[in-house]
Amino acid sequence: GKVFLSVFRIIAVIGIGWYLVNLTKKD
């Protein structure tokens, strides 16, 4: 459960980071 949560967090952060950059590109 601990490893799953950590890996899920890392994937989520990558996804949120991608979304953040795209938001700025779209003003």
PDB file of all heavy atoms in Angstrom:
ATOM      1  N   GLY A   1       0.820  -1.206   0.000  1.00  0.00           N
ATOM      2  CA  GLY A   1       0.000   0.000   0.000  1.00  0.00           C
ATOM      3  C   GLY A   1       0.848   1.247   0.000  1.00  0.00           C
ATOM      4  O   GLY A   1       0.541   2.230  -0.676  1.00  0.00           O
ATOM      5  N   LYS A   2       1.947   1.199   0.756  1.00  0.00           N
ATOM      6  CA  LYS A   2       2.853   2.352   0.840  1.00  0.00           C
ATOM      7  C   LYS A   2       3.516   2.615  -0.511  1.00  0.00           C
ATOM      8  O   LYS A   2       3.568   3.769  -0.972  1.00  0.00           O
ATOM      9  CB  LYS A   2       3.917   2.077   1.910  1.00  0.00           C
ATOM     10  CG  LYS A   2       5.004   3.129   2.008  1.00  0.00           C
ATOM     11  CD  LYS A   2       4.429   4.456   2.423  1.00  0.00           C
ATOM     12  CE  LYS A   2       5.522   5.497   2.540  1.00  0.00           C
ATOM     13  NZ  LYS A   2       4.972   6.835   2.827  1.00  0.00           N
ATOM     14  N   VAL A   3       4.035   1.582  -1.145  1.00  0.00           N
ATOM     15  CA  VAL A   3       4.697   1.751  -2.435  1.00  0.00           C
ATOM     16  C   VAL A   3       3.694   2.201  -3.489  1.00  0.00           C
ATOM     17  O   VAL A   3       3.978   3.098  -4.296  1.00  0.00           O
ATOM     18  CB  VAL A   3       5.381   0.435  -2.873  1.00  0.00           C
ATOM     19  CG1 VAL A   3       5.914   0.569  -4.296  1.00  0.00           C
ATOM     20  CG2 VAL A   3       6.518   0.090  -1.915  1.00  0.00           C
ATOM     21  N   PHE A   4       2.510   1.588  -3.483  1.00  0.00           N
ATOM     22  CA  PHE A   4       1.469   1.968  -4.437  1.00  0.00           C
ATOM     23  C   PHE A   4       1.131   3.444  -4.298  1.00  0.00           C
ATOM     24  O   PHE A   4       1.016   4.167  -5.300  1.00  0.00           O
ATOM     25  CB  PHE A   4       0.217   1.121  -4.202  1.00  0.00           C
ATOM     26  CG  PHE A   4      -0.968   1.569  -5.025  1.00  0.00           C
ATOM     27  CD1 PHE A   4      -1.097   1.183  -6.350  1.00  0.00           C
ATOM     28  CD2 PHE A   4      -1.950   2.381  -4.455  1.00  0.00           C
ATOM     29  CE1 PHE A   4      -2.184   1.598  -7.106  1.00  0.00           C
ATOM     30  CE2 PHE A   4      -3.037   2.806  -5.207  1.00  0.00           C
ATOM     31  CZ  PHE A   4      -3.157   2.407  -6.531  1.00  0.00           C
ATOM     32  N   LEU A   5       0.971   3.904  -3.057  1.00  0.00           N
ATOM     33  CA  LEU A   5       0.626   5.302  -2.826  1.00  0.00           C
ATOM     34  C   LEU A   5       1.744   6.225  -3.294  1.00  0.00           C
ATOM     35  O   LEU A   5       1.488   7.268  -3.913  1.00  0.00           O
ATOM     36  CB  LEU A   5       0.351   5.528  -1.336  1.00  0.00           C
ATOM     37  CG  LEU A   5      -0.115   6.926  -0.934  1.00  0.00           C
ATOM     38  CD1 LEU A   5      -1.409   7.288  -1.648  1.00  0.00           C
ATOM     39  CD2 LEU A   5      -0.306   7.010   0.569  1.00  0.00           C
ATOM     40  N   SER A   6       2.990   5.860  -3.029  1.00  0.00           N
ATOM     41  CA  SER A   6       4.125   6.690  -3.432  1.00  0.00           C
ATOM     42  C   SER A   6       4.216   6.785  -4.956  1.00  0.00           C
ATOM     43  O   SER A   6       4.416   7.867  -5.510  1.00  0.00           O
ATOM     44  CB  SER A   6       5.431   6.110  -2.866  1.00  0.00           C
ATOM     45  OG  SER A   6       5.426   6.145  -1.455  1.00  0.00           O
ATOM     46  N   VAL A   7       4.071   5.638  -5.632  1.00  0.00           N
ATOM     47  CA  VAL A   7       4.135   5.632  -7.096  1.00  0.00           C
ATOM     48  C   VAL A   7       2.966   6.420  -7.681  1.00  0.00           C
ATOM     49  O   VAL A   7       3.127   7.196  -8.633  1.00  0.00           O
ATOM     50  CB  VAL A   7       4.139   4.186  -7.640  1.00  0.00           C
ATOM     51  CG1 VAL A   7       4.008   4.175  -9.159  1.00  0.00           C
ATOM     52  CG2 VAL A   7       5.412   3.463  -7.208  1.00  0.00           C
ATOM     53  N   PHE A   8       1.778   6.235  -7.098  1.00  0.00           N
ATOM     54  CA  PHE A   8       0.600   6.976  -7.564  1.00  0.00           C
ATOM     55  C   PHE A   8       0.826   8.473  -7.414  1.00  0.00           C
ATOM     56  O   PHE A   8       0.476   9.250  -8.304  1.00  0.00           O
ATOM     57  CB  PHE A   8      -0.632   6.551  -6.760  1.00  0.00           C
ATOM     58  CG  PHE A   8      -1.858   7.374  -7.065  1.00  0.00           C
ATOM     59  CD1 PHE A   8      -2.604   7.131  -8.203  1.00  0.00           C
ATOM     60  CD2 PHE A   8      -2.252   8.399  -6.213  1.00  0.00           C
ATOM     61  CE1 PHE A   8      -3.730   7.890  -8.493  1.00  0.00           C
ATOM     62  CE2 PHE A   8      -3.368   9.166  -6.493  1.00  0.00           C
ATOM     63  CZ  PHE A   8      -4.120   8.916  -7.631  1.00  0.00           C
ATOM     64  N   ARG A   9       1.419   8.883  -6.291  1.00  0.00           N
ATOM     65  CA  ARG A   9       1.704  10.309  -6.072  1.00  0.00           C
ATOM     66  C   ARG A   9       2.648  10.854  -7.136  1.00  0.00           C
ATOM     67  O   ARG A   9       2.462  11.953  -7.646  1.00  0.00           O
ATOM     68  CB  ARG A   9       2.347  10.492  -4.698  1.00  0.00           C
ATOM     69  CG  ARG A   9       1.365  10.850  -3.615  1.00  0.00           C
ATOM     70  CD  ARG A   9       2.023  11.823  -2.662  1.00  0.00           C
ATOM     71  NE  ARG A   9       1.247  11.885  -1.446  1.00  0.00           N
ATOM     72  CZ  ARG A   9       1.520  11.181  -0.354  1.00  0.00           C
ATOM     73  NH1 ARG A   9       2.545  10.360  -0.354  1.00  0.00           N
ATOM     74  NH2 ARG A   9       0.784  11.300   0.728  1.00  0.00           N
ATOM     75  N   ILE A  10       3.688  10.089  -7.434  1.00  0.00           N
ATOM     76  CA  ILE A  10       4.666  10.544  -8.429  1.00  0.00           C
ATOM     77  C   ILE A  10       4.005  10.715  -9.791  1.00  0.00           C
ATOM     78  O   ILE A  10       4.211  11.722 -10.478  1.00  0.00           O
ATOM     79  CB  ILE A  10       5.846   9.547  -8.512  1.00  0.00           C
ATOM     80  CG1 ILE A  10       6.651   9.584  -7.201  1.00  0.00           C
ATOM     81  CG2 ILE A  10       6.748   9.884  -9.691  1.00  0.00           C
ATOM     82  CD1 ILE A  10       7.689   8.487  -7.093  1.00  0.00           C
ATOM     83  N   ILE A  11       3.188   9.738 -10.186  1.00  0.00           N
ATOM     84  CA  ILE A  11       2.467   9.832 -11.462  1.00  0.00           C
ATOM     85  C   ILE A  11       1.523  11.025 -11.449  1.00  0.00           C
ATOM     86  O   ILE A  11       1.417  11.776 -12.434  1.00  0.00           O
ATOM     87  CB  ILE A  11       1.698   8.529 -11.745  1.00  0.00           C
ATOM     88  CG1 ILE A  11       2.672   7.367 -11.941  1.00  0.00           C
ATOM     89  CG2 ILE A  11       0.803   8.680 -12.969  1.00  0.00           C
ATOM     90  CD1 ILE A  11       2.008   6.013 -12.033  1.00  0.00           C
ATOM     91  N   ALA A  12       0.836  11.230 -10.318  1.00  0.00           N
ATOM     92  CA  ALA A  12      -0.103  12.344 -10.203  1.00  0.00           C
ATOM     93  C   ALA A  12       0.617  13.681 -10.332  1.00  0.00           C
ATOM     94  O   ALA A  12       0.128  14.606 -10.997  1.00  0.00           O
ATOM     95  CB  ALA A  12      -0.843  12.265  -8.874  1.00  0.00           C
ATOM     96  N   VAL A  13       1.781  13.801  -9.697  1.00  0.00           N
ATOM     97  CA  VAL A  13       2.546  15.049  -9.761  1.00  0.00           C
ATOM     98  C   VAL A  13       2.993  15.336 -11.192  1.00  0.00           C
ATOM     99  O   VAL A  13       2.944  16.482 -11.649  1.00  0.00           O
ATOM    100  CB  VAL A  13       3.754  14.995  -8.802  1.00  0.00           C
ATOM    101  CG1 VAL A  13       4.781  16.061  -9.139  1.00  0.00           C
ATOM    102  CG2 VAL A  13       3.290  15.167  -7.370  1.00  0.00           C
ATOM    103  N   ILE A  14       3.425  14.294 -11.896  1.00  0.00           N
ATOM    104  CA  ILE A  14       3.815  14.474 -13.300  1.00  0.00           C
ATOM    105  C   ILE A  14       2.623  14.964 -14.119  1.00  0.00           C
ATOM    106  O   ILE A  14       2.728  15.891 -14.930  1.00  0.00           O
ATOM    107  CB  ILE A  14       4.376  13.162 -13.883  1.00  0.00           C
ATOM    108  CG1 ILE A  14       5.700  12.802 -13.198  1.00  0.00           C
ATOM    109  CG2 ILE A  14       4.583  13.291 -15.395  1.00  0.00           C
ATOM    110  CD1 ILE A  14       6.225  11.426 -13.551  1.00  0.00           C
ATOM    111  N   GLY A  15       1.459  14.346 -13.886  1.00  0.00           N
ATOM    112  CA  GLY A  15       0.254  14.749 -14.592  1.00  0.00           C
ATOM    113  C   GLY A  15      -0.175  16.170 -14.265  1.00  0.00           C
ATOM    114  O   GLY A  15      -0.536  16.948 -15.166  1.00  0.00           O
ATOM    115  N   ILE A  16      -0.118  16.522 -12.990  1.00  0.00           N
ATOM    116  CA  ILE A  16      -0.497  17.878 -12.581  1.00  0.00           C
ATOM    117  C   ILE A  16       0.489  18.897 -13.149  1.00  0.00           C
ATOM    118  O   ILE A  16       0.093  19.986 -13.582  1.00  0.00           O
ATOM    119  CB  ILE A  16      -0.559  17.985 -11.041  1.00  0.00           C
ATOM    120  CG1 ILE A  16      -1.652  17.072 -10.488  1.00  0.00           C
ATOM    121  CG2 ILE A  16      -0.839  19.423 -10.617  1.00  0.00           C
ATOM    122  CD1 ILE A  16      -1.623  16.924  -8.978  1.00  0.00           C
ATOM    123  N   GLY A  17       1.772  18.541 -13.156  1.00  0.00           N
ATOM    124  CA  GLY A  17       2.782  19.432 -13.728  1.00  0.00           C
ATOM    125  C   GLY A  17       2.548  19.677 -15.202  1.00  0.00           C
ATOM    126  O   GLY A  17       2.658  20.821 -15.681  1.00  0.00           O
ATOM    127  N   TRP A  18       2.199  18.615 -15.929  1.00  0.00           N
ATOM    128  CA  TRP A  18       1.897  18.746 -17.365  1.00  0.00           C
ATOM    129  C   TRP A  18       0.687  19.648 -17.562  1.00  0.00           C
ATOM    130  O   TRP A  18       0.671  20.507 -18.444  1.00  0.00           O
ATOM    131  CB  TRP A  18       1.642  17.361 -17.948  1.00  0.00           C
ATOM    132  CG  TRP A  18       1.213  17.379 -19.390  1.00  0.00           C
ATOM    133  CD1 TRP A  18       2.013  17.409 -20.499  1.00  0.00           C
ATOM    134  CD2 TRP A  18      -0.128  17.355 -19.881  1.00  0.00           C
ATOM    135  NE1 TRP A  18       1.257  17.418 -21.644  1.00  0.00           N
ATOM    136  CE2 TRP A  18      -0.068  17.387 -21.294  1.00  0.00           C
ATOM    137  CE3 TRP A  18      -1.380  17.315 -19.255  1.00  0.00           C
ATOM    138  CZ2 TRP A  18      -1.203  17.378 -22.088  1.00  0.00           C
ATOM    139  CZ3 TRP A  18      -2.507  17.304 -20.049  1.00  0.00           C
ATOM    140  CH2 TRP A  18      -2.422  17.339 -21.448  1.00  0.00           C
ATOM    141  N   TYR A  19      -0.329  19.455 -16.726  1.00  0.00           N
ATOM    142  CA  TYR A  19      -1.554  20.265 -16.815  1.00  0.00           C
ATOM    143  C   TYR A  19      -1.255  21.728 -16.515  1.00  0.00           C
ATOM    144  O   TYR A  19      -1.761  22.634 -17.199  1.00  0.00           O
ATOM    145  CB  TYR A  19      -2.591  19.717 -15.846  1.00  0.00           C
ATOM    146  CG  TYR A  19      -3.903  20.457 -15.835  1.00  0.00           C
ATOM    147  CD1 TYR A  19      -4.663  20.590 -16.996  1.00  0.00           C
ATOM    148  CD2 TYR A  19      -4.408  21.004 -14.660  1.00  0.00           C
ATOM    149  CE1 TYR A  19      -5.887  21.251 -16.998  1.00  0.00           C
ATOM    150  CE2 TYR A  19      -5.628  21.674 -14.639  1.00  0.00           C
ATOM    151  CZ  TYR A  19      -6.361  21.794 -15.814  1.00  0.00           C
ATOM    152  OH  TYR A  19      -7.557  22.457 -15.800  1.00  0.00           O
ATOM    153  N   LEU A  20      -0.409  21.972 -15.522  1.00  0.00           N
ATOM    154  CA  LEU A  20      -0.049  23.337 -15.152  1.00  0.00           C
ATOM    155  C   LEU A  20       0.647  24.058 -16.309  1.00  0.00           C
ATOM    156  O   LEU A  20       0.304  25.206 -16.630  1.00  0.00           O
ATOM    157  CB  LEU A  20       0.867  23.321 -13.921  1.00  0.00           C
ATOM    158  CG  LEU A  20       1.400  24.670 -13.440  1.00  0.00           C
ATOM    159  CD1 LEU A  20       0.257  25.554 -12.954  1.00  0.00           C
ATOM    160  CD2 LEU A  20       2.428  24.464 -12.322  1.00  0.00           C
ATOM    161  N   VAL A  21       1.610  23.394 -16.922  1.00  0.00           N
ATOM    162  CA  VAL A  21       2.334  24.006 -18.048  1.00  0.00           C
ATOM    163  C   VAL A  21       1.386  24.307 -19.197  1.00  0.00           C
ATOM    164  O   VAL A  21       1.452  25.367 -19.829  1.00  0.00           O
ATOM    165  CB  VAL A  21       3.488  23.093 -18.510  1.00  0.00           C
ATOM    166  CG1 VAL A  21       4.114  23.623 -19.793  1.00  0.00           C
ATOM    167  CG2 VAL A  21       4.549  22.978 -17.417  1.00  0.00           C
ATOM    168  N   ASN A  22       0.472  23.369 -19.464  1.00  0.00           N
ATOM    169  CA  ASN A  22      -0.482  23.583 -20.554  1.00  0.00           C
ATOM    170  C   ASN A  22      -1.447  24.723 -20.256  1.00  0.00           C
ATOM    171  O   ASN A  22      -1.842  25.453 -21.167  1.00  0.00           O
ATOM    172  CB  ASN A  22      -1.266  22.293 -20.827  1.00  0.00           C
ATOM    173  CG  ASN A  22      -0.553  21.376 -21.791  1.00  0.00           C
ATOM    174  OD1 ASN A  22      -0.731  21.460 -23.005  1.00  0.00           O
ATOM    175  ND2 ASN A  22       0.286  20.505 -21.264  1.00  0.00           N
ATOM    176  N   LEU A  23      -1.824  24.890 -18.994  1.00  0.00           N
ATOM    177  CA  LEU A  23      -2.684  26.012 -18.623  1.00  0.00           C
ATOM    178  C   LEU A  23      -2.008  27.342 -18.928  1.00  0.00           C
ATOM    179  O   LEU A  23      -2.644  28.280 -19.424  1.00  0.00           O
ATOM    180  CB  LEU A  23      -3.051  25.943 -17.136  1.00  0.00           C
ATOM    181  CG  LEU A  23      -4.093  24.913 -16.718  1.00  0.00           C
ATOM    182  CD1 LEU A  23      -4.248  24.912 -15.202  1.00  0.00           C
ATOM    183  CD2 LEU A  23      -5.437  25.188 -17.369  1.00  0.00           C
ATOM    184  N   THR A  24      -0.726  27.422 -18.621  1.00  0.00           N
ATOM    185  CA  THR A  24      -0.011  28.677 -18.878  1.00  0.00           C
ATOM    186  C   THR A  24       0.141  28.936 -20.371  1.00  0.00           C
ATOM    187  O   THR A  24       0.119  30.086 -20.809  1.00  0.00           O
ATOM    188  CB  THR A  24       1.380  28.655 -18.217  1.00  0.00           C
ATOM    189  OG1 THR A  24       2.159  27.562 -18.743  1.00  0.00           O
ATOM    190  CG2 THR A  24       1.256  28.493 -16.700  1.00  0.00           C
ATOM    191  N   LYS A  25       0.284  27.870 -21.165  1.00  0.00           N
ATOM    192  CA  LYS A  25       0.400  28.039 -22.614  1.00  0.00           C
ATOM    193  C   LYS A  25      -0.905  28.548 -23.221  1.00  0.00           C
ATOM    194  O   LYS A  25      -0.903  29.245 -24.232  1.00  0.00           O
ATOM    195  CB  LYS A  25       0.794  26.710 -23.271  1.00  0.00           C
ATOM    196  CG  LYS A  25       2.232  26.286 -22.996  1.00  0.00           C
ATOM    197  CD  LYS A  25       2.547  24.967 -23.677  1.00  0.00           C
ATOM    198  CE  LYS A  25       3.992  24.549 -23.440  1.00  0.00           C
ATOM    199  NZ  LYS A  25       4.299  23.232 -24.075  1.00  0.00           N
ATOM    200  N   LYS A  26      -2.031  28.175 -22.589  1.00  0.00           N
ATOM    201  CA  LYS A  26      -3.340  28.582 -23.100  1.00  0.00           C
ATOM    202  C   LYS A  26      -3.812  29.900 -22.493  1.00  0.00           C
ATOM    203  O   LYS A  26      -4.941  30.317 -22.721  1.00  0.00           O
ATOM    204  CB  LYS A  26      -4.372  27.492 -22.805  1.00  0.00           C
ATOM    205  CG  LYS A  26      -4.132  26.183 -23.527  1.00  0.00           C
ATOM    206  CD  LYS A  26      -5.320  25.254 -23.402  1.00  0.00           C
ATOM    207  CE  LYS A  26      -5.607  24.884 -21.964  1.00  0.00           C
ATOM    208  NZ  LYS A  26      -6.743  23.927 -21.872  1.00  0.00           N
ATOM    209  N   ASP A  27      -2.945  30.550 -21.702  1.00  0.00           N
ATOM    210  CA  ASP A  27      -3.318  31.792 -21.027  1.00  0.00           C
ATOM    211  C   ASP A  27      -4.580  31.612 -20.186  1.00  0.00           C
ATOM    212  O   ASP A  27      -5.486  32.455 -20.198  1.00  0.00           O
ATOM    213  CB  ASP A  27      -3.530  32.938 -22.032  1.00  0.00           C
ATOM    214  CG  ASP A  27      -2.225  33.369 -22.697  1.00  0.00           C
ATOM    215  OD1 ASP A  27      -1.184  33.341 -22.015  1.00  0.00           O
ATOM    216  OD2 ASP A  27      -2.253  33.715 -23.885  1.00  0.00           O
TER     217      ASP A  27
END
